[in-house]
Amino acid sequence: QEALAIFWCISELRSYIGDSSFIVETDHKPLENFHKKQINYKRVMNWLFKLQDILPQIIAVKHRPGAHNAAADYISRHFPP
């Protein structure tokens, strides 16, 4: 689900991102290197393939514990999708 959220945000906000480099922050530590390493999950591989032109713009994927990300945590729990 976390990887899907990153994929959705990048693909939907691509017009705002343009050619800018950016950092992805997530509270899901295993995703820190999803854009750099070999992926064996077919679904995630398909998402990365669709984003291959924008992946070089990702400077880093940083882990930010949920306790340090109160605003995003609140929004994700209190508003319907």
PDB file of N, CA and C in Angstrom:
ATOM      1  N   GLN A   1       0.815  -1.196   0.000  1.00  0.00           N
ATOM      2  CA  GLN A   1       0.000   0.000   0.000  1.00  0.00           C
ATOM      3  C   GLN A   1       0.856   1.255   0.000  1.00  0.00           C
ATOM      4  N   GLU A   2       1.960   1.225   0.727  1.00  0.00           N
ATOM      5  CA  GLU A   2       2.827   2.399   0.793  1.00  0.00           C
ATOM      6  C   GLU A   2       3.440   2.697  -0.572  1.00  0.00           C
ATOM      7  N   ALA A   3       3.890   1.651  -1.263  1.00  0.00           N
ATOM      8  CA  ALA A   3       4.472   1.843  -2.595  1.00  0.00           C
ATOM      9  C   ALA A   3       3.411   2.354  -3.564  1.00  0.00           C
ATOM     10  N   LEU A   4       2.188   1.864  -3.434  1.00  0.00           N
ATOM     11  CA  LEU A   4       1.101   2.331  -4.290  1.00  0.00           C
ATOM     12  C   LEU A   4       0.835   3.819  -4.054  1.00  0.00           C
ATOM     13  N   ALA A   5       0.891   4.256  -2.810  1.00  0.00           N
ATOM     14  CA  ALA A   5       0.671   5.668  -2.496  1.00  0.00           C
ATOM     15  C   ALA A   5       1.735   6.543  -3.151  1.00  0.00           C
ATOM     16  N   ILE A   6       2.982   6.100  -3.111  1.00  0.00           N
ATOM     17  CA  ILE A   6       4.061   6.859  -3.755  1.00  0.00           C
ATOM     18  C   ILE A   6       3.831   6.902  -5.262  1.00  0.00           C
ATOM     19  N   PHE A   7       3.509   5.752  -5.854  1.00  0.00           N
ATOM     20  CA  PHE A   7       3.251   5.687  -7.290  1.00  0.00           C
ATOM     21  C   PHE A   7       2.109   6.630  -7.670  1.00  0.00           C
ATOM     22  N   TRP A   8       1.015   6.584  -6.925  1.00  0.00           N
ATOM     23  CA  TRP A   8      -0.146   7.414  -7.237  1.00  0.00           C
ATOM     24  C   TRP A   8       0.205   8.895  -7.154  1.00  0.00           C
ATOM     25  N   CYS A   9       0.880   9.287  -6.085  1.00  0.00           N
ATOM     26  CA  CYS A   9       1.234  10.703  -5.913  1.00  0.00           C
ATOM     27  C   CYS A   9       2.130  11.201  -7.039  1.00  0.00           C
ATOM     28  N   ILE A  10       3.150  10.430  -7.361  1.00  0.00           N
ATOM     29  CA  ILE A  10       4.076  10.865  -8.406  1.00  0.00           C
ATOM     30  C   ILE A  10       3.368  10.930  -9.756  1.00  0.00           C
ATOM     31  N   SER A  11       2.560   9.932 -10.070  1.00  0.00           N
ATOM     32  CA  SER A  11       1.903   9.937 -11.379  1.00  0.00           C
ATOM     33  C   SER A  11       0.820  11.017 -11.467  1.00  0.00           C
ATOM     34  N   GLU A  12       0.087  11.261 -10.393  1.00  0.00           N
ATOM     35  CA  GLU A  12      -0.963  12.279 -10.418  1.00  0.00           C
ATOM     36  C   GLU A  12      -0.413  13.702 -10.331  1.00  0.00           C
ATOM     37  N   LEU A  13       0.705  13.870  -9.656  1.00  0.00           N
ATOM     38  CA  LEU A  13       1.272  15.210  -9.462  1.00  0.00           C
ATOM     39  C   LEU A  13       2.421  15.505 -10.418  1.00  0.00           C
ATOM     40  N   ARG A  14       2.586  14.679 -11.425  1.00  0.00           N
ATOM     41  CA  ARG A  14       3.694  14.826 -12.370  1.00  0.00           C
ATOM     42  C   ARG A  14       3.718  16.215 -13.007  1.00  0.00           C
ATOM     43  N   SER A  15       2.569  16.778 -13.312  1.00  0.00           N
ATOM     44  CA  SER A  15       2.534  18.104 -13.942  1.00  0.00           C
ATOM     45  C   SER A  15       3.054  19.189 -12.994  1.00  0.00           C
ATOM     46  N   TYR A  16       2.923  18.979 -11.689  1.00  0.00           N
ATOM     47  CA  TYR A  16       3.443  19.934 -10.714  1.00  0.00           C
ATOM     48  C   TYR A  16       4.936  19.730 -10.476  1.00  0.00           C
ATOM     49  N   ILE A  17       5.377  18.489 -10.575  1.00  0.00           N
ATOM     50  CA  ILE A  17       6.784  18.160 -10.337  1.00  0.00           C
ATOM     51  C   ILE A  17       7.656  18.683 -11.467  1.00  0.00           C
ATOM     52  N   GLY A  18       7.194  18.501 -12.697  1.00  0.00           N
ATOM     53  CA  GLY A  18       7.959  18.959 -13.855  1.00  0.00           C
ATOM     54  C   GLY A  18       9.324  18.309 -13.902  1.00  0.00           C
ATOM     55  N   ASP A  19      10.365  19.119 -14.076  1.00  0.00           N
ATOM     56  CA  ASP A  19      11.739  18.619 -14.139  1.00  0.00           C
ATOM     57  C   ASP A  19      12.468  18.762 -12.809  1.00  0.00           C
ATOM     58  N   SER A  20      11.755  19.118 -11.765  1.00  0.00           N
ATOM     59  CA  SER A  20      12.381  19.326 -10.460  1.00  0.00           C
ATOM     60  C   SER A  20      12.792  18.007  -9.824  1.00  0.00           C
ATOM     61  N   SER A  21      13.878  18.052  -9.087  1.00  0.00           N
ATOM     62  CA  SER A  21      14.273  16.905  -8.273  1.00  0.00           C
ATOM     63  C   SER A  21      13.507  16.989  -6.960  1.00  0.00           C
ATOM     64  N   PHE A  22      13.283  15.857  -6.326  1.00  0.00           N
ATOM     65  CA  PHE A  22      12.513  15.877  -5.089  1.00  0.00           C
ATOM     66  C   PHE A  22      12.902  14.721  -4.186  1.00  0.00           C
ATOM     67  N   ILE A  23      12.506  14.842  -2.926  1.00  0.00           N
ATOM     68  CA  ILE A  23      12.748  13.822  -1.909  1.00  0.00           C
ATOM     69  C   ILE A  23      11.390  13.276  -1.472  1.00  0.00           C
ATOM     70  N   VAL A  24      11.281  11.959  -1.418  1.00  0.00           N
ATOM     71  CA  VAL A  24      10.061  11.304  -0.943  1.00  0.00           C
ATOM     72  C   VAL A  24      10.278  10.974   0.531  1.00  0.00           C
ATOM     73  N   GLU A  25       9.343  11.363   1.385  1.00  0.00           N
ATOM     74  CA  GLU A  25       9.417  11.020   2.801  1.00  0.00           C
ATOM     75  C   GLU A  25       8.301  10.033   3.113  1.00  0.00           C
ATOM     76  N   THR A  26       8.652   8.963   3.812  1.00  0.00           N
ATOM     77  CA  THR A  26       7.681   7.927   4.153  1.00  0.00           C
ATOM     78  C   THR A  26       7.935   7.418   5.564  1.00  0.00           C
ATOM     79  N   ASP A  27       6.887   6.923   6.202  1.00  0.00           N
ATOM     80  CA  ASP A  27       7.067   6.322   7.522  1.00  0.00           C
ATOM     81  C   ASP A  27       7.251   4.813   7.401  1.00  0.00           C
ATOM     82  N   HIS A  28       7.413   4.321   6.179  1.00  0.00           N
ATOM     83  CA  HIS A  28       7.587   2.889   5.915  1.00  0.00           C
ATOM     84  C   HIS A  28       9.044   2.631   5.537  1.00  0.00           C
ATOM     85  N   LYS A  29       9.853   2.251   6.505  1.00  0.00           N
ATOM     86  CA  LYS A  29      11.299   2.119   6.322  1.00  0.00           C
ATOM     87  C   LYS A  29      11.718   1.213   5.160  1.00  0.00           C
ATOM     88  N   PRO A  30      11.048   0.092   4.886  1.00  0.00           N
ATOM     89  CA  PRO A  30      11.486  -0.767   3.777  1.00  0.00           C
ATOM     90  C   PRO A  30      11.458  -0.095   2.398  1.00  0.00           C
ATOM     91  N   LEU A  31      10.778   1.040   2.269  1.00  0.00           N
ATOM     92  CA  LEU A  31      10.711   1.704   0.965  1.00  0.00           C
ATOM     93  C   LEU A  31      11.871   2.653   0.695  1.00  0.00           C
ATOM     94  N   GLU A  32      12.800   2.770   1.616  1.00  0.00           N
ATOM     95  CA  GLU A  32      13.887   3.733   1.440  1.00  0.00           C
ATOM     96  C   GLU A  32      14.668   3.548   0.145  1.00  0.00           C
ATOM     97  N   ASN A  33      14.808   2.337  -0.334  1.00  0.00           N
ATOM     98  CA  ASN A  33      15.590   2.101  -1.547  1.00  0.00           C
ATOM     99  C   ASN A  33      14.775   1.504  -2.684  1.00  0.00           C
ATOM    100  N   PHE A  34      13.463   1.681  -2.654  1.00  0.00           N
ATOM    101  CA  PHE A  34      12.643   1.028  -3.680  1.00  0.00           C
ATOM    102  C   PHE A  34      12.989   1.495  -5.086  1.00  0.00           C
ATOM    103  N   HIS A  35      13.476   2.712  -5.233  1.00  0.00           N
ATOM    104  CA  HIS A  35      13.779   3.247  -6.555  1.00  0.00           C
ATOM    105  C   HIS A  35      15.187   2.898  -7.026  1.00  0.00           C
ATOM    106  N   LYS A  36      15.973   2.229  -6.186  1.00  0.00           N
ATOM    107  CA  LYS A  36      17.368   1.918  -6.519  1.00  0.00           C
ATOM    108  C   LYS A  36      17.652   0.434  -6.666  1.00  0.00           C
ATOM    109  N   LYS A  37      16.919  -0.415  -5.957  1.00  0.00           N
ATOM    110  CA  LYS A  37      17.302  -1.821  -5.898  1.00  0.00           C
ATOM    111  C   LYS A  37      16.445  -2.701  -6.801  1.00  0.00           C
ATOM    112  N   GLN A  38      16.874  -3.936  -6.936  1.00  0.00           N
ATOM    113  CA  GLN A  38      16.146  -4.924  -7.723  1.00  0.00           C
ATOM    114  C   GLN A  38      14.848  -5.287  -7.008  1.00  0.00           C
ATOM    115  N   ILE A  39      13.761  -5.214  -7.713  1.00  0.00           N
ATOM    116  CA  ILE A  39      12.446  -5.522  -7.158  1.00  0.00           C
ATOM    117  C   ILE A  39      11.956  -6.838  -7.752  1.00  0.00           C
ATOM    118  N   ASN A  40      11.457  -7.728  -6.922  1.00  0.00           N
ATOM    119  CA  ASN A  40      10.972  -9.019  -7.393  1.00  0.00           C
ATOM    120  C   ASN A  40       9.449  -9.120  -7.404  1.00  0.00           C
ATOM    121  N   TYR A  41       8.771  -8.052  -7.053  1.00  0.00           N
ATOM    122  CA  TYR A  41       7.314  -8.063  -7.045  1.00  0.00           C
ATOM    123  C   TYR A  41       6.815  -7.480  -8.363  1.00  0.00           C
ATOM    124  N   LYS A  42       6.066  -8.270  -9.099  1.00  0.00           N
ATOM    125  CA  LYS A  42       5.636  -7.875 -10.438  1.00  0.00           C
ATOM    126  C   LYS A  42       4.847  -6.560 -10.428  1.00  0.00           C
ATOM    127  N   ARG A  43       3.957  -6.396  -9.474  1.00  0.00           N
ATOM    128  CA  ARG A  43       3.141  -5.185  -9.420  1.00  0.00           C
ATOM    129  C   ARG A  43       4.007  -3.941  -9.218  1.00  0.00           C
ATOM    130  N   VAL A  44       4.942  -3.994  -8.277  1.00  0.00           N
ATOM    131  CA  VAL A  44       5.817  -2.851  -8.026  1.00  0.00           C
ATOM    132  C   VAL A  44       6.724  -2.612  -9.230  1.00  0.00           C
ATOM    133  N   MET A  45       7.179  -3.677  -9.873  1.00  0.00           N
ATOM    134  CA  MET A  45       8.004  -3.528 -11.078  1.00  0.00           C
ATOM    135  C   MET A  45       7.226  -2.797 -12.170  1.00  0.00           C
ATOM    136  N   ASN A  46       5.959  -3.095 -12.318  1.00  0.00           N
ATOM    137  CA  ASN A  46       5.132  -2.402 -13.313  1.00  0.00           C
ATOM    138  C   ASN A  46       4.993  -0.920 -12.989  1.00  0.00           C
ATOM    139  N   TRP A  47       4.820  -0.581 -11.720  1.00  0.00           N
ATOM    140  CA  TRP A  47       4.727   0.828 -11.325  1.00  0.00           C
ATOM    141  C   TRP A  47       6.027   1.551 -11.642  1.00  0.00           C
ATOM    142  N   LEU A  48       7.153   0.919 -11.280  1.00  0.00           N
ATOM    143  CA  LEU A  48       8.451   1.541 -11.543  1.00  0.00           C
ATOM    144  C   LEU A  48       8.691   1.703 -13.037  1.00  0.00           C
ATOM    145  N   PHE A  49       8.248   0.737 -13.830  1.00  0.00           N
ATOM    146  CA  PHE A  49       8.395   0.848 -15.280  1.00  0.00           C
ATOM    147  C   PHE A  49       7.619   2.056 -15.800  1.00  0.00           C
ATOM    148  N   LYS A  50       6.421   2.264 -15.290  1.00  0.00           N
ATOM    149  CA  LYS A  50       5.607   3.402 -15.719  1.00  0.00           C
ATOM    150  C   LYS A  50       6.211   4.735 -15.286  1.00  0.00           C
ATOM    151  N   LEU A  51       7.013   4.711 -14.230  1.00  0.00           N
ATOM    152  CA  LEU A  51       7.629   5.939 -13.713  1.00  0.00           C
ATOM    153  C   LEU A  51       9.099   6.072 -14.099  1.00  0.00           C
ATOM    154  N   GLN A  52       9.604   5.222 -14.981  1.00  0.00           N
ATOM    155  CA  GLN A  52      11.039   5.183 -15.231  1.00  0.00           C
ATOM    156  C   GLN A  52      11.613   6.516 -15.707  1.00  0.00           C
ATOM    157  N   ASP A  53      10.832   7.333 -16.381  1.00  0.00           N
ATOM    158  CA  ASP A  53      11.349   8.617 -16.831  1.00  0.00           C
ATOM    159  C   ASP A  53      11.480   9.627 -15.694  1.00  0.00           C
ATOM    160  N   ILE A  54      10.756   9.430 -14.606  1.00  0.00           N
ATOM    161  CA  ILE A  54      10.813  10.378 -13.492  1.00  0.00           C
ATOM    162  C   ILE A  54      11.698   9.889 -12.341  1.00  0.00           C
ATOM    163  N   LEU A  55      12.048   8.599 -12.323  1.00  0.00           N
ATOM    164  CA  LEU A  55      12.849   8.053 -11.221  1.00  0.00           C
ATOM    165  C   LEU A  55      14.181   8.772 -11.023  1.00  0.00           C
ATOM    166  N   PRO A  56      14.891   9.194 -12.081  1.00  0.00           N
ATOM    167  CA  PRO A  56      16.154   9.908 -11.837  1.00  0.00           C
ATOM    168  C   PRO A  56      15.978  11.225 -11.083  1.00  0.00           C
ATOM    169  N   GLN A  57      14.773  11.761 -11.053  1.00  0.00           N
ATOM    170  CA  GLN A  57      14.521  13.006 -10.343  1.00  0.00           C
ATOM    171  C   GLN A  57      14.394  12.804  -8.837  1.00  0.00           C
ATOM    172  N   ILE A  58      14.194  11.567  -8.398  1.00  0.00           N
ATOM    173  CA  ILE A  58      14.071  11.294  -6.968  1.00  0.00           C
ATOM    174  C   ILE A  58      15.469  11.323  -6.359  1.00  0.00           C
ATOM    175  N   ILE A  59      15.739  12.324  -5.549  1.00  0.00           N
ATOM    176  CA  ILE A  59      17.041  12.456  -4.904  1.00  0.00           C
ATOM    177  C   ILE A  59      17.212  11.372  -3.856  1.00  0.00           C
ATOM    178  N   ALA A  60      16.178  11.168  -3.054  1.00  0.00           N
ATOM    179  CA  ALA A  60      16.248  10.173  -1.981  1.00  0.00           C
ATOM    180  C   ALA A  60      14.839   9.827  -1.524  1.00  0.00           C
ATOM    181  N   VAL A  61      14.733   8.675  -0.897  1.00  0.00           N
ATOM    182  CA  VAL A  61      13.509   8.292  -0.205  1.00  0.00           C
ATOM    183  C   VAL A  61      13.923   8.163   1.253  1.00  0.00           C
ATOM    184  N   LYS A  62      13.431   9.069   2.078  1.00  0.00           N
ATOM    185  CA  LYS A  62      13.852   9.122   3.476  1.00  0.00           C
ATOM    186  C   LYS A  62      12.768   8.576   4.394  1.00  0.00           C
ATOM    187  N   HIS A  63      13.231   7.855   5.406  1.00  0.00           N
ATOM    188  CA  HIS A  63      12.316   7.353   6.430  1.00  0.00           C
ATOM    189  C   HIS A  63      12.089   8.450   7.454  1.00  0.00           C
ATOM    190  N   ARG A  64      10.836   8.721   7.725  1.00  0.00           N
ATOM    191  CA  ARG A  64      10.467   9.693   8.752  1.00  0.00           C
ATOM    192  C   ARG A  64       9.440   9.013   9.647  1.00  0.00           C
ATOM    193  N   PRO A  65       9.821   8.693  10.873  1.00  0.00           N
ATOM    194  CA  PRO A  65       8.902   7.981  11.771  1.00  0.00           C
ATOM    195  C   PRO A  65       7.567   8.711  11.913  1.00  0.00           C
ATOM    196  N   GLY A  66       6.502   7.940  12.041  1.00  0.00           N
ATOM    197  CA  GLY A  66       5.171   8.519  12.160  1.00  0.00           C
ATOM    198  C   GLY A  66       5.052   9.533  13.283  1.00  0.00           C
ATOM    199  N   ALA A  67       5.800   9.336  14.355  1.00  0.00           N
ATOM    200  CA  ALA A  67       5.757  10.272  15.482  1.00  0.00           C
ATOM    201  C   ALA A  67       6.283  11.650  15.090  1.00  0.00           C
ATOM    202  N   HIS A  68       7.123  11.713  14.066  1.00  0.00           N
ATOM    203  CA  HIS A  68       7.681  12.984  13.602  1.00  0.00           C
ATOM    204  C   HIS A  68       6.924  13.536  12.397  1.00  0.00           C
ATOM    205  N   ASN A  69       5.826  12.918  12.063  1.00  0.00           N
ATOM    206  CA  ASN A  69       5.053  13.321  10.897  1.00  0.00           C
ATOM    207  C   ASN A  69       3.577  13.404  11.288  1.00  0.00           C
ATOM    208  N   ALA A  70       3.300  14.191  12.301  1.00  0.00           N
ATOM    209  CA  ALA A  70       1.967  14.232  12.903  1.00  0.00           C
ATOM    210  C   ALA A  70       0.880  14.695  11.938  1.00  0.00           C
ATOM    211  N   ALA A  71       1.151  15.685  11.106  1.00  0.00           N
ATOM    212  CA  ALA A  71       0.117  16.211  10.206  1.00  0.00           C
ATOM    213  C   ALA A  71      -0.346  15.146   9.216  1.00  0.00           C
ATOM    214  N   ALA A  72       0.595  14.488   8.558  1.00  0.00           N
ATOM    215  CA  ALA A  72       0.230  13.451   7.581  1.00  0.00           C
ATOM    216  C   ALA A  72      -0.453  12.280   8.279  1.00  0.00           C
ATOM    217  N   ASP A  73       0.008  11.935   9.457  1.00  0.00           N
ATOM    218  CA  ASP A  73      -0.592  10.839  10.209  1.00  0.00           C
ATOM    219  C   ASP A  73      -2.044  11.171  10.563  1.00  0.00           C
ATOM    220  N   TYR A  74      -2.290  12.392  10.999  1.00  0.00           N
ATOM    221  CA  TYR A  74      -3.646  12.822  11.348  1.00  0.00           C
ATOM    222  C   TYR A  74      -4.565  12.768  10.130  1.00  0.00           C
ATOM    223  N   ILE A  75      -4.100  13.311   9.011  1.00  0.00           N
ATOM    224  CA  ILE A  75      -4.916  13.347   7.790  1.00  0.00           C
ATOM    225  C   ILE A  75      -5.252  11.939   7.320  1.00  0.00           C
ATOM    226  N   SER A  76      -4.271  11.046   7.367  1.00  0.00           N
ATOM    227  CA  SER A  76      -4.509   9.689   6.871  1.00  0.00           C
ATOM    228  C   SER A  76      -5.496   8.914   7.744  1.00  0.00           C
ATOM    229  N   ARG A  77      -5.650   9.302   8.996  1.00  0.00           N
ATOM    230  CA  ARG A  77      -6.547   8.580   9.899  1.00  0.00           C
ATOM    231  C   ARG A  77      -7.941   9.206  10.019  1.00  0.00           C
ATOM    232  N   HIS A  78      -8.057  10.505   9.746  1.00  0.00           N
ATOM    233  CA  HIS A  78      -9.313  11.188  10.036  1.00  0.00           C
ATOM    234  C   HIS A  78     -10.113  11.652   8.826  1.00  0.00           C
ATOM    235  N   PHE A  79      -9.589  11.480   7.638  1.00  0.00           N
ATOM    236  CA  PHE A  79     -10.330  11.888   6.448  1.00  0.00           C
ATOM    237  C   PHE A  79     -10.535  10.686   5.548  1.00  0.00           C
ATOM    238  N   PRO A  80     -11.719  10.560   4.975  1.00  0.00           N
ATOM    239  CA  PRO A  80     -11.966   9.406   4.093  1.00  0.00           C
ATOM    240  C   PRO A  80     -11.140   9.516   2.816  1.00  0.00           C
ATOM    241  N   PRO A  81     -10.792   8.376   2.219  1.00  0.00           N
ATOM    242  CA  PRO A  81      -9.987   8.406   0.987  1.00  0.00           C
ATOM    243  C   PRO A  81     -10.749   8.962  -0.193  1.00  0.00           C
TER     244      PRO A  81
END
